[in-house]
Amino acid sequence: ILKSVDKIGFDTIIIARGGGSIEDLWNFNE
């Protein structure tokens, strides 16, 4: 999804997620 959105031409992209354990957030450590 991020690669597709990057090609559209937005001024800014926000990636947001609520809190969680280290395993819950692990996808953002890949």
PDB file of all heavy atoms in Angstrom:
ATOM      1  N   ILE A   1       0.832  -1.206   0.000  1.00  0.00           N
ATOM      2  CA  ILE A   1       0.000   0.000   0.000  1.00  0.00           C
ATOM      3  C   ILE A   1       0.864   1.252   0.000  1.00  0.00           C
ATOM      4  O   ILE A   1       0.582   2.230  -0.712  1.00  0.00           O
ATOM      5  CB  ILE A   1      -0.951  -0.016   1.219  1.00  0.00           C
ATOM      6  CG1 ILE A   1      -1.928  -1.185   1.100  1.00  0.00           C
ATOM      7  CG2 ILE A   1      -1.699   1.309   1.339  1.00  0.00           C
ATOM      8  CD1 ILE A   1      -2.807  -1.378   2.315  1.00  0.00           C
ATOM      9  N   LEU A   2       1.941   1.238   0.791  1.00  0.00           N
ATOM     10  CA  LEU A   2       2.812   2.416   0.887  1.00  0.00           C
ATOM     11  C   LEU A   2       3.446   2.755  -0.451  1.00  0.00           C
ATOM     12  O   LEU A   2       3.518   3.928  -0.841  1.00  0.00           O
ATOM     13  CB  LEU A   2       3.891   2.161   1.942  1.00  0.00           C
ATOM     14  CG  LEU A   2       4.898   3.303   2.183  1.00  0.00           C
ATOM     15  CD1 LEU A   2       4.168   4.572   2.595  1.00  0.00           C
ATOM     16  CD2 LEU A   2       5.924   2.907   3.234  1.00  0.00           C
ATOM     17  N   LYS A   3       3.890   1.761  -1.191  1.00  0.00           N
ATOM     18  CA  LYS A   3       4.500   2.008  -2.508  1.00  0.00           C
ATOM     19  C   LYS A   3       3.487   2.637  -3.463  1.00  0.00           C
ATOM     20  O   LYS A   3       3.823   3.549  -4.234  1.00  0.00           O
ATOM     21  CB  LYS A   3       5.033   0.707  -3.086  1.00  0.00           C
ATOM     22  CG  LYS A   3       6.265   0.181  -2.378  1.00  0.00           C
ATOM     23  CD  LYS A   3       6.712  -1.157  -2.977  1.00  0.00           C
ATOM     24  CE  LYS A   3       7.942  -1.699  -2.269  1.00  0.00           C
ATOM     25  NZ  LYS A   3       8.369  -3.019  -2.815  1.00  0.00           N
ATOM     26  N   SER A   4       2.242   2.174  -3.418  1.00  0.00           N
ATOM     27  CA  SER A   4       1.199   2.730  -4.291  1.00  0.00           C
ATOM     28  C   SER A   4       0.878   4.168  -3.911  1.00  0.00           C
ATOM     29  O   SER A   4       0.742   5.038  -4.783  1.00  0.00           O
ATOM     30  CB  SER A   4      -0.063   1.863  -4.202  1.00  0.00           C
ATOM     31  OG  SER A   4       0.194   0.549  -4.625  1.00  0.00           O
ATOM     32  N   VAL A   5       0.754   4.438  -2.622  1.00  0.00           N
ATOM     33  CA  VAL A   5       0.423   5.788  -2.151  1.00  0.00           C
ATOM     34  C   VAL A   5       1.547   6.758  -2.480  1.00  0.00           C
ATOM     35  O   VAL A   5       1.310   7.920  -2.840  1.00  0.00           O
ATOM     36  CB  VAL A   5       0.144   5.760  -0.629  1.00  0.00           C
ATOM     37  CG1 VAL A   5      -0.018   7.178  -0.084  1.00  0.00           C
ATOM     38  CG2 VAL A   5      -1.101   4.941  -0.334  1.00  0.00           C
ATOM     39  N   ASP A   6       2.782   6.297  -2.390  1.00  0.00           N
ATOM     40  CA  ASP A   6       3.936   7.164  -2.663  1.00  0.00           C
ATOM     41  C   ASP A   6       3.932   7.672  -4.097  1.00  0.00           C
ATOM     42  O   ASP A   6       4.442   8.756  -4.384  1.00  0.00           O
ATOM     43  CB  ASP A   6       5.223   6.385  -2.366  1.00  0.00           C
ATOM     44  CG  ASP A   6       6.465   7.244  -2.523  1.00  0.00           C
ATOM     45  OD1 ASP A   6       6.473   8.377  -2.006  1.00  0.00           O
ATOM     46  OD2 ASP A   6       7.415   6.787  -3.176  1.00  0.00           O
ATOM     47  N   LYS A   7       3.339   6.926  -5.019  1.00  0.00           N
ATOM     48  CA  LYS A   7       3.315   7.329  -6.428  1.00  0.00           C
ATOM     49  C   LYS A   7       2.213   8.331  -6.743  1.00  0.00           C
ATOM     50  O   LYS A   7       2.231   8.965  -7.803  1.00  0.00           O
ATOM     51  CB  LYS A   7       3.133   6.088  -7.313  1.00  0.00           C
ATOM     52  CG  LYS A   7       4.278   5.090  -7.223  1.00  0.00           C
ATOM     53  CD  LYS A   7       3.981   3.851  -8.050  1.00  0.00           C
ATOM     54  CE  LYS A   7       5.091   2.826  -7.938  1.00  0.00           C
ATOM     55  NZ  LYS A   7       4.792   1.591  -8.714  1.00  0.00           N
ATOM     56  N   ILE A   8       1.243   8.498  -5.839  1.00  0.00           N
ATOM     57  CA  ILE A   8       0.090   9.363  -6.125  1.00  0.00           C
ATOM     58  C   ILE A   8       0.469  10.833  -6.107  1.00  0.00           C
ATOM     59  O   ILE A   8      -0.022  11.632  -6.905  1.00  0.00           O
ATOM     60  CB  ILE A   8      -1.041   9.078  -5.112  1.00  0.00           C
ATOM     61  CG1 ILE A   8      -1.543   7.647  -5.304  1.00  0.00           C
ATOM     62  CG2 ILE A   8      -2.184  10.074  -5.270  1.00  0.00           C
ATOM     63  CD1 ILE A   8      -2.587   7.217  -4.299  1.00  0.00           C
ATOM     64  N   GLY A   9       1.349  11.210  -5.191  1.00  0.00           N
ATOM     65  CA  GLY A   9       1.772  12.605  -5.129  1.00  0.00           C
ATOM     66  C   GLY A   9       1.207  13.377  -3.941  1.00  0.00           C
ATOM     67  O   GLY A   9       0.933  14.574  -4.053  1.00  0.00           O
ATOM     68  N   PHE A  10       1.012  12.719  -2.820  1.00  0.00           N
ATOM     69  CA  PHE A  10       0.576  13.409  -1.613  1.00  0.00           C
ATOM     70  C   PHE A  10       1.696  14.310  -1.089  1.00  0.00           C
ATOM     71  O   PHE A  10       2.875  14.070  -1.339  1.00  0.00           O
ATOM     72  CB  PHE A  10       0.190  12.399  -0.527  1.00  0.00           C
ATOM     73  CG  PHE A  10      -1.128  11.726  -0.768  1.00  0.00           C
ATOM     74  CD1 PHE A  10      -1.204  10.509  -1.437  1.00  0.00           C
ATOM     75  CD2 PHE A  10      -2.316  12.311  -0.327  1.00  0.00           C
ATOM     76  CE1 PHE A  10      -2.416   9.884  -1.665  1.00  0.00           C
ATOM     77  CE2 PHE A  10      -3.529  11.697  -0.548  1.00  0.00           C
ATOM     78  CZ  PHE A  10      -3.583  10.487  -1.219  1.00  0.00           C
ATOM     79  N   ASP A  11       1.295  15.358  -0.363  1.00  0.00           N
ATOM     80  CA  ASP A  11       2.296  16.226   0.260  1.00  0.00           C
ATOM     81  C   ASP A  11       2.965  15.523   1.442  1.00  0.00           C
ATOM     82  O   ASP A  11       4.159  15.684   1.672  1.00  0.00           O
ATOM     83  CB  ASP A  11       1.648  17.531   0.750  1.00  0.00           C
ATOM     84  CG  ASP A  11       1.144  18.381  -0.401  1.00  0.00           C
ATOM     85  OD1 ASP A  11       1.886  18.488  -1.391  1.00  0.00           O
ATOM     86  OD2 ASP A  11       0.036  18.909  -0.324  1.00  0.00           O
ATOM     87  N   THR A  12       2.182  14.769   2.199  1.00  0.00           N
ATOM     88  CA  THR A  12       2.695  14.092   3.394  1.00  0.00           C
ATOM     89  C   THR A  12       1.983  12.756   3.567  1.00  0.00           C
ATOM     90  O   THR A  12       0.812  12.621   3.231  1.00  0.00           O
ATOM     91  CB  THR A  12       2.450  14.944   4.661  1.00  0.00           C
ATOM     92  OG1 THR A  12       2.940  16.272   4.449  1.00  0.00           O
ATOM     93  CG2 THR A  12       3.158  14.350   5.873  1.00  0.00           C
ATOM     94  N   ILE A  13       2.723  11.784   4.104  1.00  0.00           N
ATOM     95  CA  ILE A  13       2.141  10.487   4.472  1.00  0.00           C
ATOM     96  C   ILE A  13       2.328  10.291   5.967  1.00  0.00           C
ATOM     97  O   ILE A  13       3.429  10.498   6.493  1.00  0.00           O
ATOM     98  CB  ILE A  13       2.797   9.321   3.713  1.00  0.00           C
ATOM     99  CG1 ILE A  13       2.532   9.436   2.207  1.00  0.00           C
ATOM    100  CG2 ILE A  13       2.292   7.973   4.239  1.00  0.00           C
ATOM    101  CD1 ILE A  13       3.243   8.385   1.383  1.00  0.00           C
ATOM    102  N   ILE A  14       1.242   9.914   6.657  1.00  0.00           N
ATOM    103  CA  ILE A  14       1.307   9.593   8.086  1.00  0.00           C
ATOM    104  C   ILE A  14       1.041   8.102   8.251  1.00  0.00           C
ATOM    105  O   ILE A  14       0.041   7.581   7.747  1.00  0.00           O
ATOM    106  CB  ILE A  14       0.273  10.396   8.896  1.00  0.00           C
ATOM    107  CG1 ILE A  14       0.584  11.904   8.829  1.00  0.00           C
ATOM    108  CG2 ILE A  14       0.249   9.934  10.354  1.00  0.00           C
ATOM    109  CD1 ILE A  14      -0.455  12.756   9.529  1.00  0.00           C
ATOM    110  N   ILE A  15       1.960   7.420   8.944  1.00  0.00           N
ATOM    111  CA  ILE A  15       1.747   6.012   9.315  1.00  0.00           C
ATOM    112  C   ILE A  15       1.462   5.987  10.809  1.00  0.00           C
ATOM    113  O   ILE A  15       2.315   6.384  11.612  1.00  0.00           O
ATOM    114  CB  ILE A  15       2.967   5.144   8.973  1.00  0.00           C
ATOM    115  CG1 ILE A  15       3.283   5.229   7.477  1.00  0.00           C
ATOM    116  CG2 ILE A  15       2.729   3.697   9.386  1.00  0.00           C
ATOM    117  CD1 ILE A  15       4.521   4.458   7.062  1.00  0.00           C
ATOM    118  N   ALA A  16       0.260   5.559  11.198  1.00  0.00           N
ATOM    119  CA  ALA A  16      -0.157   5.663  12.600  1.00  0.00           C
ATOM    120  C   ALA A  16      -0.650   4.315  13.118  1.00  0.00           C
ATOM    121  O   ALA A  16      -1.286   3.544  12.399  1.00  0.00           O
ATOM    122  CB  ALA A  16      -1.253   6.711  12.749  1.00  0.00           C
ATOM    123  N   ARG A  17      -0.335   4.084  14.393  1.00  0.00           N
ATOM    124  CA  ARG A  17      -0.824   2.890  15.072  1.00  0.00           C
ATOM    125  C   ARG A  17      -0.809   3.151  16.569  1.00  0.00           C
ATOM    126  O   ARG A  17       0.066   3.813  17.090  1.00  0.00           O
ATOM    127  CB  ARG A  17       0.073   1.675  14.784  1.00  0.00           C
ATOM    128  CG  ARG A  17      -0.515   0.352  15.313  1.00  0.00           C
ATOM    129  CD  ARG A  17       0.564  -0.636  15.689  1.00  0.00           C
ATOM    130  NE  ARG A  17       0.025  -1.948  16.005  1.00  0.00           N
ATOM    131  CZ  ARG A  17      -0.536  -2.286  17.164  1.00  0.00           C
ATOM    132  NH1 ARG A  17      -0.674  -1.369  18.137  1.00  0.00           N
ATOM    133  NH2 ARG A  17      -0.982  -3.523  17.385  1.00  0.00           N
ATOM    134  N   GLY A  18      -1.804   2.602  17.278  1.00  0.00           N
ATOM    135  CA  GLY A  18      -1.853   2.738  18.725  1.00  0.00           C
ATOM    136  C   GLY A  18      -0.784   1.899  19.395  1.00  0.00           C
ATOM    137  O   GLY A  18      -0.016   1.183  18.749  1.00  0.00           O
ATOM    138  N   GLY A  19      -0.725   1.976  20.721  1.00  0.00           N
ATOM    139  CA  GLY A  19       0.298   1.276  21.471  1.00  0.00           C
ATOM    140  C   GLY A  19       0.063  -0.227  21.500  1.00  0.00           C
ATOM    141  O   GLY A  19      -0.981  -0.737  21.095  1.00  0.00           O
ATOM    142  N   GLY A  20       1.064  -0.950  21.987  1.00  0.00           N
ATOM    143  CA  GLY A  20       0.979  -2.390  22.086  1.00  0.00           C
ATOM    144  C   GLY A  20       2.288  -2.970  22.565  1.00  0.00           C
ATOM    145  O   GLY A  20       3.270  -2.249  22.798  1.00  0.00           O
ATOM    146  N   SER A  21       2.325  -4.262  22.716  1.00  0.00           N
ATOM    147  CA  SER A  21       3.543  -4.947  23.137  1.00  0.00           C
ATOM    148  C   SER A  21       4.539  -4.982  21.990  1.00  0.00           C
ATOM    149  O   SER A  21       4.218  -4.640  20.844  1.00  0.00           O
ATOM    150  CB  SER A  21       3.208  -6.366  23.583  1.00  0.00           C
ATOM    151  OG  SER A  21       2.688  -7.109  22.482  1.00  0.00           O
ATOM    152  N   ILE A  22       5.742  -5.435  22.296  1.00  0.00           N
ATOM    153  CA  ILE A  22       6.779  -5.469  21.266  1.00  0.00           C
ATOM    154  C   ILE A  22       6.398  -6.405  20.131  1.00  0.00           C
ATOM    155  O   ILE A  22       6.693  -6.143  18.961  1.00  0.00           O
ATOM    156  CB  ILE A  22       8.139  -5.875  21.883  1.00  0.00           C
ATOM    157  CG1 ILE A  22       9.254  -5.751  20.826  1.00  0.00           C
ATOM    158  CG2 ILE A  22       8.082  -7.274  22.472  1.00  0.00           C
ATOM    159  CD1 ILE A  22      10.641  -5.921  21.403  1.00  0.00           C
ATOM    160  N   GLU A  23       5.689  -7.499  20.458  1.00  0.00           N
ATOM    161  CA  GLU A  23       5.273  -8.401  19.388  1.00  0.00           C
ATOM    162  C   GLU A  23       4.141  -7.802  18.561  1.00  0.00           C
ATOM    163  O   GLU A  23       4.041  -8.050  17.351  1.00  0.00           O
ATOM    164  CB  GLU A  23       4.861  -9.766  19.946  1.00  0.00           C
ATOM    165  CG  GLU A  23       3.728  -9.728  20.950  1.00  0.00           C
ATOM    166  CD  GLU A  23       4.204  -9.575  22.383  1.00  0.00           C
ATOM    167  OE1 GLU A  23       5.351  -9.135  22.571  1.00  0.00           O
ATOM    168  OE2 GLU A  23       3.439  -9.898  23.294  1.00  0.00           O
ATOM    169  N   ASP A  24       3.261  -6.996  19.204  1.00  0.00           N
ATOM    170  CA  ASP A  24       2.188  -6.334  18.460  1.00  0.00           C
ATOM    171  C   ASP A  24       2.743  -5.330  17.466  1.00  0.00           C
ATOM    172  O   ASP A  24       2.182  -5.124  16.383  1.00  0.00           O
ATOM    173  CB  ASP A  24       1.233  -5.638  19.433  1.00  0.00           C
ATOM    174  CG  ASP A  24       0.430  -6.634  20.272  1.00  0.00           C
ATOM    175  OD1 ASP A  24       0.280  -7.777  19.822  1.00  0.00           O
ATOM    176  OD2 ASP A  24      -0.022  -6.249  21.360  1.00  0.00           O
ATOM    177  N   LEU A  25       3.836  -4.683  17.845  1.00  0.00           N
ATOM    178  CA  LEU A  25       4.436  -3.646  16.994  1.00  0.00           C
ATOM    179  C   LEU A  25       5.517  -4.203  16.077  1.00  0.00           C
ATOM    180  O   LEU A  25       6.144  -3.433  15.345  1.00  0.00           O
ATOM    181  CB  LEU A  25       5.046  -2.541  17.872  1.00  0.00           C
ATOM    182  CG  LEU A  25       4.099  -1.795  18.821  1.00  0.00           C
ATOM    183  CD1 LEU A  25       4.888  -0.804  19.663  1.00  0.00           C
ATOM    184  CD2 LEU A  25       3.009  -1.070  18.041  1.00  0.00           C
ATOM    185  N   TRP A  26       5.744  -5.500  16.098  1.00  0.00           N
ATOM    186  CA  TRP A  26       6.926  -6.050  15.433  1.00  0.00           C
ATOM    187  C   TRP A  26       6.929  -5.825  13.924  1.00  0.00           C
ATOM    188  O   TRP A  26       8.004  -5.702  13.316  1.00  0.00           O
ATOM    189  CB  TRP A  26       7.067  -7.537  15.727  1.00  0.00           C
ATOM    190  CG  TRP A  26       8.395  -8.022  15.233  1.00  0.00           C
ATOM    191  CD1 TRP A  26       8.649  -8.792  14.141  1.00  0.00           C
ATOM    192  CD2 TRP A  26       9.657  -7.691  15.796  1.00  0.00           C
ATOM    193  NE1 TRP A  26       9.998  -8.990  13.988  1.00  0.00           N
ATOM    194  CE2 TRP A  26      10.649  -8.316  14.987  1.00  0.00           C
ATOM    195  CE3 TRP A  26      10.071  -6.934  16.892  1.00  0.00           C
ATOM    196  CZ2 TRP A  26      12.001  -8.213  15.255  1.00  0.00           C
ATOM    197  CZ3 TRP A  26      11.423  -6.836  17.160  1.00  0.00           C
ATOM    198  CH2 TRP A  26      12.374  -7.460  16.345  1.00  0.00           C
ATOM    199  N   ASN A  27       5.770  -5.772  13.283  1.00  0.00           N
ATOM    200  CA  ASN A  27       5.756  -5.539  11.838  1.00  0.00           C
ATOM    201  C   ASN A  27       6.478  -4.248  11.457  1.00  0.00           C
ATOM    202  O   ASN A  27       7.022  -4.139  10.355  1.00  0.00           O
ATOM    203  CB  ASN A  27       4.317  -5.494  11.325  1.00  0.00           C
ATOM    204  CG  ASN A  27       3.729  -6.882  11.147  1.00  0.00           C
ATOM    205  OD1 ASN A  27       4.027  -7.581  10.183  1.00  0.00           O
ATOM    206  ND2 ASN A  27       2.908  -7.312  12.114  1.00  0.00           N
ATOM    207  N   PHE A  28       6.478  -3.287  12.377  1.00  0.00           N
ATOM    208  CA  PHE A  28       7.154  -2.011  12.108  1.00  0.00           C
ATOM    209  C   PHE A  28       8.637  -2.066  12.457  1.00  0.00           C
ATOM    210  O   PHE A  28       9.319  -1.052  12.405  1.00  0.00           O
ATOM    211  CB  PHE A  28       6.457  -0.885  12.876  1.00  0.00           C
ATOM    212  CG  PHE A  28       5.026  -0.684  12.460  1.00  0.00           C
ATOM    213  CD1 PHE A  28       3.996  -1.267  13.177  1.00  0.00           C
ATOM    214  CD2 PHE A  28       4.717   0.052  11.335  1.00  0.00           C
ATOM    215  CE1 PHE A  28       2.676  -1.107  12.802  1.00  0.00           C
ATOM    216  CE2 PHE A  28       3.403   0.220  10.937  1.00  0.00           C
ATOM    217  CZ  PHE A  28       2.375  -0.368  11.671  1.00  0.00           C
ATOM    218  N   ASN A  29       9.112  -3.264  12.828  1.00  0.00           N
ATOM    219  CA  ASN A  29      10.541  -3.490  13.036  1.00  0.00           C
ATOM    220  C   ASN A  29      11.144  -4.368  11.948  1.00  0.00           C
ATOM    221  O   ASN A  29      12.296  -4.789  12.057  1.00  0.00           O
ATOM    222  CB  ASN A  29      10.771  -4.158  14.408  1.00  0.00           C
ATOM    223  CG  ASN A  29      10.482  -3.211  15.561  1.00  0.00           C
ATOM    224  OD1 ASN A  29      10.793  -2.030  15.504  1.00  0.00           O
ATOM    225  ND2 ASN A  29       9.870  -3.732  16.612  1.00  0.00           N
ATOM    226  N   GLU A  30      10.353  -4.648  10.912  1.00  0.00           N
ATOM    227  CA  GLU A  30      10.846  -5.475   9.816  1.00  0.00           C
ATOM    228  C   GLU A  30      11.772  -4.661   8.908  1.00  0.00           C
ATOM    229  O   GLU A  30      11.479  -3.510   8.548  1.00  0.00           O
ATOM    230  CB  GLU A  30       9.683  -6.036   9.008  1.00  0.00           C
ATOM    231  CG  GLU A  30       8.836  -7.055   9.746  1.00  0.00           C
ATOM    232  CD  GLU A  30       9.558  -8.380   9.949  1.00  0.00           C
ATOM    233  OE1 GLU A  30      10.622  -8.572   9.315  1.00  0.00           O
ATOM    234  OE2 GLU A  30       9.052  -9.220  10.729  1.00  0.00           O
TER     235      GLU A  30
END
